[in-house]
Structure formats: structure tokens, C-alpha cells
Amino acid sequence: MEGKISVVLLISLIFYGLVSAQYTTSSLVLTVYEDGYVKVNYELLPDEYVSQMEVQLLGAHIEDVMVEDENGNPLDYQLNGNELMVFTDNASVVNITYYTPDLTSKQGIVWTLNLSSPEPFTVVLPENAVVVDLSDIPLQIAGNRITMPPGNQSISYTLSERVTTSGAGGTAENTAGRSVTILLVLVGIALAGGATYLGMKKKSGGFGGRMPTREEFEERLNNLDLSEEEKRALLYLFDRGGRASQAEVREAIGLPKTTAWRMFKRLEKMGLVRILKGKKENWVELRF
């Protein structure tokens, strides 16, 4: 009798492992609109042999859900409240996009985006947004895009009015109260301090903007916290002139598709490569 129970329990555990939510969040991007609505885009990497994923979506009111694989093909899903069940159908990447009004609130003229995330996430603010408060030091600032670290985070901002003026040279559009790009850079400098310098030094790679020799490049890789597969991938790119398709690199070093995808994402976060999305396949490019 105990043997039968053990077999049933084992089968149940295997089944649960196949259908449970097992995935890695590759990226989370939130695009904020002037009316407070937020477009949420997840890029998730399912673990191998997972046929279904349960994803807890941000917000209580979910609208216009779209779920696709890495090639833009739609995937089946079931939505119950803010719980999304995705049937992966052997997809290596699952892209989830939807809209919600629940992540922002307004008090007076100040809007605040509140979010709790176990992973870093990127917020794209409206072009006329002026940041007035950040809960933490951003990981990166690029124009109106702010990448925040994991945890309970908030971004407060106001929306400046657009003023159009005419002159001899034609019509020019100005944003009252300064542009979001300039203000965000100032906020980033004030909060990050020396972190900005370290980030710039990291991106430069220590080669002064010139093309390194293979020996110099390999020596730099040996001083970084990289796996052997990552070193081989970077050297392969170097030997191919600094750019190749992800599929080509993956096949050259013999990695499964999902494992290679995670590797490229890690190298991109380290500032060593840039991922370029193409119509049929993605490319990866070295950053010296």
C-alpha cells in the first residue's frame, strides 16, 4: 500500500513540476501615459520542460492582454483576475503585454508610480514628465527611461505644459520647466554620484575608444567574472568582427537556446554586448 502511495505522490510531484510557474524574468518594462495608464511588458524565459506558466500580473484591472512567443506567434492563455496561465507550447521566450490603470496615483499635480518587483525594471515616462522624487538610486537613466533596482520603488513626477512659439525660422515647441532628459540626468548625478563615473569606466573597457587586439581583449575577459561559455561567446564575436546572430554564436559554443538567451541577457546587463532585434532573428554586438 505504501508503495502505491509513493508512486502516486511521485507522479503528482512530477506533474506539478511540469505545470507550475517556472520561469525567469528577462525584462520588465512599464510605459506610462499622461492619463496614468501603464503598458506593462514582460519578457519571460520558461524553464526547460515547462508546459504551463502561472504569472501574477501587476495591477487588479487588466486590459488588452497579448501573449506571444519569441517569433511573435500568439500563445494560448487563461486570465483569472490578475492571474495569467500561459501555455508555452515549447516557446523559448514568452512576451506578455497588457494595460492597467492601477500602478499610478495622483495627488494634486504630482503623479506617483508605485511598484514592488523582485527584478530590476525600466519605466518609460511621458516626454513632458518632470521627475520630482525617486525612492532609490536608478541603475540607469537614458532620456525618459529610468531603470530601477529590485524592491519597493516609486517614481513621482509632474506633467509640464507644452508651449508652442513661432519665430523667423518657423515654429518651435518648448516644454515648460525644462525637458525630462536634462532633469533626469541631473537627478541621476545627484543620487548616483560616483556610480556614474564607475559605469562610464566600465563601458569604456579601458581601451580608450580604440579597437583592442585579441590578446588585450582576452586578457580583459580573464579579469571579469565570466563563465567559460561566456568567454568563448565573446571571443567568437571578436573573431567575427564584433557582431553575429544569436543563433550563430549559440551553435558555435554548443548551448541550448534558453541557456544561451540567459547568457546574452547577462552579458548585456554587464555592458559587454548589445542585443539587436531583427525581423527574423536577434543579433548580438560587442561593446568595447
Protein backbone atom coordinates (compact mmCIF):
# COMPACT_ATOMS: atom_id res chain seq x y z
CA MET A 1 0.00 0.00 0.00
CA GLU A 2 2.81 2.39 0.93
CA GLY A 3 4.49 1.63 -2.40
CA LYS A 4 1.37 2.64 -4.31
CA ILE A 5 1.06 5.86 -2.33
CA SER A 6 4.71 6.68 -3.04
CA VAL A 7 4.21 6.14 -6.77
CA VAL A 8 1.11 8.35 -6.79
CA LEU A 9 2.95 11.03 -4.83
CA LEU A 10 5.91 10.89 -7.22
CA ILE A 11 3.65 11.22 -10.26
CA SER A 12 1.86 14.15 -8.62
CA LEU A 13 5.14 15.92 -7.91
CA ILE A 14 6.36 15.39 -11.48
CA PHE A 15 3.07 16.71 -12.86
CA TYR A 16 3.17 19.70 -10.54
CA GLY A 17 6.72 20.47 -11.64
CA LEU A 18 5.67 20.42 -15.28
CA VAL A 19 2.72 22.78 -14.88
CA SER A 20 3.95 25.09 -12.11
CA ALA A 21 5.16 28.60 -12.84
CA GLN A 22 8.84 28.10 -13.54
CA TYR A 23 10.44 30.94 -15.45
CA THR A 24 13.00 33.72 -15.30
CA THR A 25 12.07 37.36 -15.82
CA SER A 26 14.37 38.62 -18.57
CA SER A 27 12.96 42.15 -18.61
CA LEU A 28 10.07 44.20 -17.26
CA VAL A 29 9.24 47.50 -18.99
CA LEU A 30 6.46 49.87 -17.95
CA THR A 31 5.41 52.63 -20.36
CA VAL A 32 3.49 55.37 -18.55
CA TYR A 33 0.92 57.51 -20.37
CA GLU A 34 -0.25 61.00 -19.47
CA ASP A 35 -3.64 59.77 -18.24
CA GLY A 36 -2.00 57.40 -15.73
CA TYR A 37 -2.47 54.20 -17.71
CA VAL A 38 0.57 51.95 -17.86
CA LYS A 39 1.52 49.47 -20.57
CA VAL A 40 3.29 46.54 -18.95
CA ASN A 41 5.60 44.32 -20.97
CA TYR A 42 7.14 41.16 -19.54
CA GLU A 43 9.82 39.14 -21.30
CA LEU A 44 9.91 35.76 -19.58
CA LEU A 45 12.17 32.75 -20.15
CA PRO A 46 10.39 29.46 -19.35
CA ASP A 47 12.45 26.73 -17.72
CA GLU A 48 13.01 23.65 -19.86
CA TYR A 49 10.18 21.09 -19.96
CA VAL A 50 7.64 23.57 -18.56
CA SER A 51 4.35 23.40 -20.48
CA GLN A 52 2.40 25.98 -18.46
CA MET A 53 3.33 29.12 -16.52
CA GLU A 54 1.33 30.93 -13.86
CA VAL A 55 2.18 34.63 -13.88
CA GLN A 56 0.95 37.11 -11.27
CA LEU A 57 0.32 40.32 -13.21
CA LEU A 58 0.81 43.79 -11.76
CA GLY A 59 -2.46 45.60 -11.10
CA ALA A 60 -6.01 44.44 -10.44
CA HIS A 61 -7.63 45.72 -13.63
CA ILE A 62 -6.06 44.10 -16.69
CA GLU A 63 -6.91 45.18 -20.24
CA ASP A 64 -5.92 44.16 -23.79
CA VAL A 65 -3.70 41.21 -22.92
CA MET A 66 -1.39 39.90 -25.64
CA VAL A 67 0.85 36.84 -25.21
CA GLU A 68 3.41 35.87 -27.88
CA ASP A 69 6.49 33.70 -28.30
CA GLU A 70 9.92 34.91 -29.45
CA ASN A 71 8.77 34.90 -33.11
CA GLY A 72 5.63 36.95 -32.49
CA ASN A 73 3.31 33.94 -32.67
CA PRO A 74 0.32 34.14 -30.28
CA LEU A 75 0.23 31.72 -27.34
CA ASP A 76 -2.88 30.39 -25.62
CA TYR A 77 -3.62 31.72 -22.15
CA GLN A 78 -6.29 31.95 -19.48
CA LEU A 79 -6.81 35.09 -17.39
CA ASN A 80 -8.47 34.94 -13.98
CA GLY A 81 -8.36 38.34 -12.32
CA ASN A 82 -4.68 39.22 -12.43
CA GLU A 83 -3.51 35.61 -12.56
CA LEU A 84 -2.42 34.59 -16.04
CA MET A 85 -1.95 30.97 -17.09
CA VAL A 86 0.22 30.74 -20.21
CA PHE A 87 0.50 27.56 -22.31
CA THR A 88 4.09 27.86 -23.52
CA ASP A 89 3.92 25.43 -26.48
CA ASN A 90 7.75 24.96 -26.42
CA ALA A 91 8.40 28.70 -26.60
CA SER A 92 11.86 29.84 -25.52
CA VAL A 93 10.63 33.34 -24.77
CA VAL A 94 7.18 34.50 -23.64
CA ASN A 95 6.27 38.16 -24.20
CA ILE A 96 3.26 39.43 -22.21
CA THR A 97 1.79 42.87 -22.86
CA TYR A 98 -1.24 44.49 -21.24
CA TYR A 99 -2.57 47.78 -19.87
CA THR A 100 -3.58 48.74 -16.32
CA PRO A 101 -4.55 51.98 -14.51
CA ASP A 102 -3.65 50.59 -11.07
CA LEU A 103 0.08 51.36 -10.83
CA THR A 104 -0.19 55.15 -10.72
CA SER A 105 -1.93 57.58 -8.38
CA LYS A 106 -2.31 61.37 -8.42
CA GLN A 107 -2.21 63.89 -5.60
CA GLY A 108 -2.58 67.48 -6.72
CA ILE A 109 -0.31 67.88 -9.75
CA VAL A 110 2.03 65.07 -8.74
CA TRP A 111 1.72 61.59 -10.21
CA THR A 112 3.39 58.65 -8.47
CA LEU A 113 4.17 55.23 -9.91
CA ASN A 114 4.46 52.56 -7.22
CA LEU A 115 5.82 49.10 -7.90
CA SER A 116 7.25 46.15 -5.98
CA SER A 117 9.44 43.90 -8.11
CA PRO A 118 11.99 41.18 -7.29
CA GLU A 119 13.83 42.10 -10.50
CA PRO A 120 15.15 45.37 -11.94
CA PHE A 121 12.60 47.13 -14.15
CA THR A 122 12.52 50.01 -16.62
CA VAL A 123 9.99 52.84 -16.61
CA VAL A 124 9.35 54.93 -19.72
CA LEU A 125 7.80 58.24 -18.65
CA PRO A 126 5.82 60.64 -20.86
CA GLU A 127 8.06 63.01 -22.80
CA ASN A 128 6.78 66.04 -20.86
CA ALA A 129 7.32 64.40 -17.44
CA VAL A 130 9.40 66.19 -14.81
CA VAL A 131 10.69 63.91 -12.05
CA VAL A 132 10.34 65.32 -8.53
CA ASP A 133 11.23 62.29 -6.40
CA LEU A 134 12.80 58.83 -6.67
CA SER A 135 12.70 56.17 -3.96
CA ASP A 136 16.17 54.83 -4.79
CA ILE A 137 19.26 55.41 -6.90
CA PRO A 138 18.46 54.42 -10.53
CA LEU A 139 20.56 51.76 -12.19
CA GLN A 140 20.43 53.66 -15.47
CA ILE A 141 18.96 56.84 -16.93
CA ALA A 142 18.55 57.30 -20.69
CA GLY A 143 16.30 60.16 -21.78
CA ASN A 144 12.87 59.50 -20.32
CA ARG A 145 13.76 55.87 -19.46
CA ILE A 146 14.67 55.06 -15.87
CA THR A 147 15.86 51.60 -14.80
CA MET A 148 15.23 50.97 -11.11
CA PRO A 149 16.70 48.28 -8.83
CA PRO A 150 14.56 45.50 -7.31
CA GLY A 151 12.36 46.18 -4.29
CA ASN A 152 9.55 48.54 -3.36
CA GLN A 153 10.12 51.52 -5.65
CA SER A 154 8.31 54.72 -6.53
CA ILE A 155 8.79 57.50 -9.07
CA SER A 156 6.98 60.81 -8.60
CA TYR A 157 6.63 63.25 -11.46
CA THR A 158 4.59 66.13 -12.82
CA LEU A 159 3.49 66.80 -16.38
CA SER A 160 4.65 70.14 -17.76
CA GLU A 161 2.60 72.04 -20.32
CA ARG A 162 3.84 72.27 -23.88
CA VAL A 163 4.30 75.79 -25.22
CA THR A 164 4.49 76.43 -28.96
CA THR A 165 6.19 79.61 -30.19
CA SER A 166 6.67 80.98 -33.68
CA GLY A 167 9.73 82.79 -34.93
CA ALA A 168 11.50 83.80 -38.10
CA GLY A 169 12.87 80.32 -38.52
CA GLY A 170 9.45 78.68 -38.24
CA THR A 171 7.63 77.00 -35.36
CA ALA A 172 9.41 75.61 -32.31
CA GLU A 173 7.95 73.54 -29.47
CA ASN A 174 9.30 74.05 -25.94
CA THR A 175 8.43 72.22 -22.75
CA ALA A 176 7.82 74.45 -19.73
CA GLY A 177 10.01 73.77 -16.74
CA ARG A 178 12.89 72.12 -18.69
CA SER A 179 12.96 68.84 -20.57
CA VAL A 180 12.68 65.49 -18.85
CA THR A 181 16.02 64.37 -20.27
CA ILE A 182 18.01 67.18 -18.67
CA LEU A 183 16.18 66.87 -15.34
CA LEU A 184 16.59 63.13 -15.16
CA VAL A 185 20.30 63.41 -15.84
CA LEU A 186 20.64 65.96 -13.04
CA VAL A 187 18.67 63.74 -10.67
CA GLY A 188 20.82 60.77 -11.64
CA ILE A 189 24.02 62.69 -11.00
CA ALA A 190 22.80 63.93 -7.63
CA LEU A 191 21.72 60.49 -6.49
CA ALA A 192 24.27 58.26 -8.09
CA GLY A 193 27.37 60.39 -7.56
CA GLY A 194 30.43 58.30 -8.17
CA ALA A 195 28.37 55.44 -9.60
CA THR A 196 28.08 57.40 -12.84
CA TYR A 197 31.85 57.54 -13.20
CA LEU A 198 32.21 53.83 -12.48
CA GLY A 199 29.55 52.99 -15.06
CA MET A 200 31.30 55.08 -17.72
CA LYS A 201 34.63 53.48 -16.90
CA LYS A 202 33.07 50.03 -17.19
CA LYS A 203 31.62 50.79 -20.61
CA SER A 204 34.86 52.19 -21.95
CA GLY A 205 36.56 48.87 -21.28
CA GLY A 206 39.89 50.58 -20.62
CA PHE A 207 40.86 50.72 -24.33
CA GLY A 208 40.45 54.47 -24.76
CA GLY A 209 37.87 54.04 -27.53
CA ARG A 210 40.26 52.12 -29.82
CA MET A 211 39.89 48.58 -31.12
CA PRO A 212 41.85 46.21 -28.82
CA THR A 213 43.98 43.35 -30.04
CA ARG A 214 42.70 39.85 -29.45
CA GLU A 215 45.27 39.35 -26.70
CA GLU A 216 44.19 42.54 -24.94
CA PHE A 217 40.55 41.59 -25.25
CA GLU A 218 41.15 38.08 -23.93
CA GLU A 219 43.15 39.49 -21.00
CA ARG A 220 40.26 41.77 -20.12
CA LEU A 221 37.82 38.85 -20.17
CA ASN A 222 40.06 36.88 -17.81
CA ASN A 223 39.76 39.70 -15.28
CA LEU A 224 35.95 39.62 -15.34
CA ASP A 225 33.54 37.30 -13.55
CA LEU A 226 32.64 35.23 -16.61
CA SER A 227 31.94 31.58 -17.24
CA GLU A 228 33.91 29.67 -19.86
CA GLU A 229 30.88 29.69 -22.18
CA GLU A 230 30.58 33.48 -21.84
CA LYS A 231 34.27 33.96 -22.63
CA ARG A 232 34.01 31.70 -25.66
CA ALA A 233 30.95 33.57 -26.90
CA LEU A 234 32.66 36.96 -26.55
CA LEU A 235 35.83 35.74 -28.25
CA TYR A 236 33.73 34.24 -31.07
CA LEU A 237 32.10 37.65 -31.57
CA PHE A 238 35.51 39.33 -31.54
CA ASP A 239 36.80 36.96 -34.24
CA ARG A 240 33.71 37.70 -36.37
CA GLY A 241 34.30 41.44 -36.33
CA GLY A 242 32.24 42.11 -33.20
CA ARG A 243 28.81 41.06 -34.45
CA ALA A 244 26.91 37.86 -35.20
CA SER A 245 23.43 36.39 -34.89
CA GLN A 246 22.50 34.82 -31.57
CA ALA A 247 21.81 31.53 -33.30
CA GLU A 248 25.29 31.50 -34.86
CA VAL A 249 27.00 32.15 -31.53
CA ARG A 250 24.81 29.62 -29.74
CA GLU A 251 25.59 26.89 -32.24
CA ALA A 252 29.31 27.72 -32.21
CA ILE A 253 29.64 27.20 -28.46
CA GLY A 254 27.03 24.42 -28.21
CA LEU A 255 24.46 25.89 -25.82
CA PRO A 256 20.70 25.21 -25.65
CA LYS A 257 18.53 28.08 -26.83
CA THR A 258 17.14 29.08 -23.43
CA THR A 259 20.55 28.87 -21.73
CA ALA A 260 22.12 30.99 -24.47
CA TRP A 261 19.32 33.57 -24.19
CA ARG A 262 20.00 33.99 -20.47
CA MET A 263 23.73 34.26 -21.14
CA PHE A 264 23.23 37.05 -23.69
CA LYS A 265 20.96 38.92 -21.27
CA ARG A 266 23.55 38.68 -18.51
CA LEU A 267 26.31 39.92 -20.82
CA GLU A 268 24.08 42.80 -21.90
CA LYS A 269 23.44 43.80 -18.28
CA MET A 270 27.21 43.73 -17.70
CA GLY A 271 27.63 46.20 -20.57
CA LEU A 272 29.68 43.78 -22.68
CA VAL A 273 27.26 43.29 -25.56
CA ARG A 274 24.26 44.95 -27.18
CA ILE A 275 21.30 42.83 -28.34
CA LEU A 276 19.80 43.98 -31.63
CA LYS A 277 16.34 42.74 -32.54
CA GLY A 278 15.80 41.79 -36.17
CA LYS A 279 12.70 40.71 -38.08
CA LYS A 280 13.64 37.04 -38.21
CA GLU A 281 16.39 36.69 -35.60
CA ASN A 282 18.26 38.67 -32.98
CA TRP A 283 21.86 39.79 -33.32
CA VAL A 284 24.44 40.40 -30.64
CA GLU A 285 27.15 43.05 -30.88
CA LEU A 286 30.26 43.60 -28.76
CA ARG A 287 30.63 46.82 -26.74
CA PHE A 288 34.30 47.70 -26.29
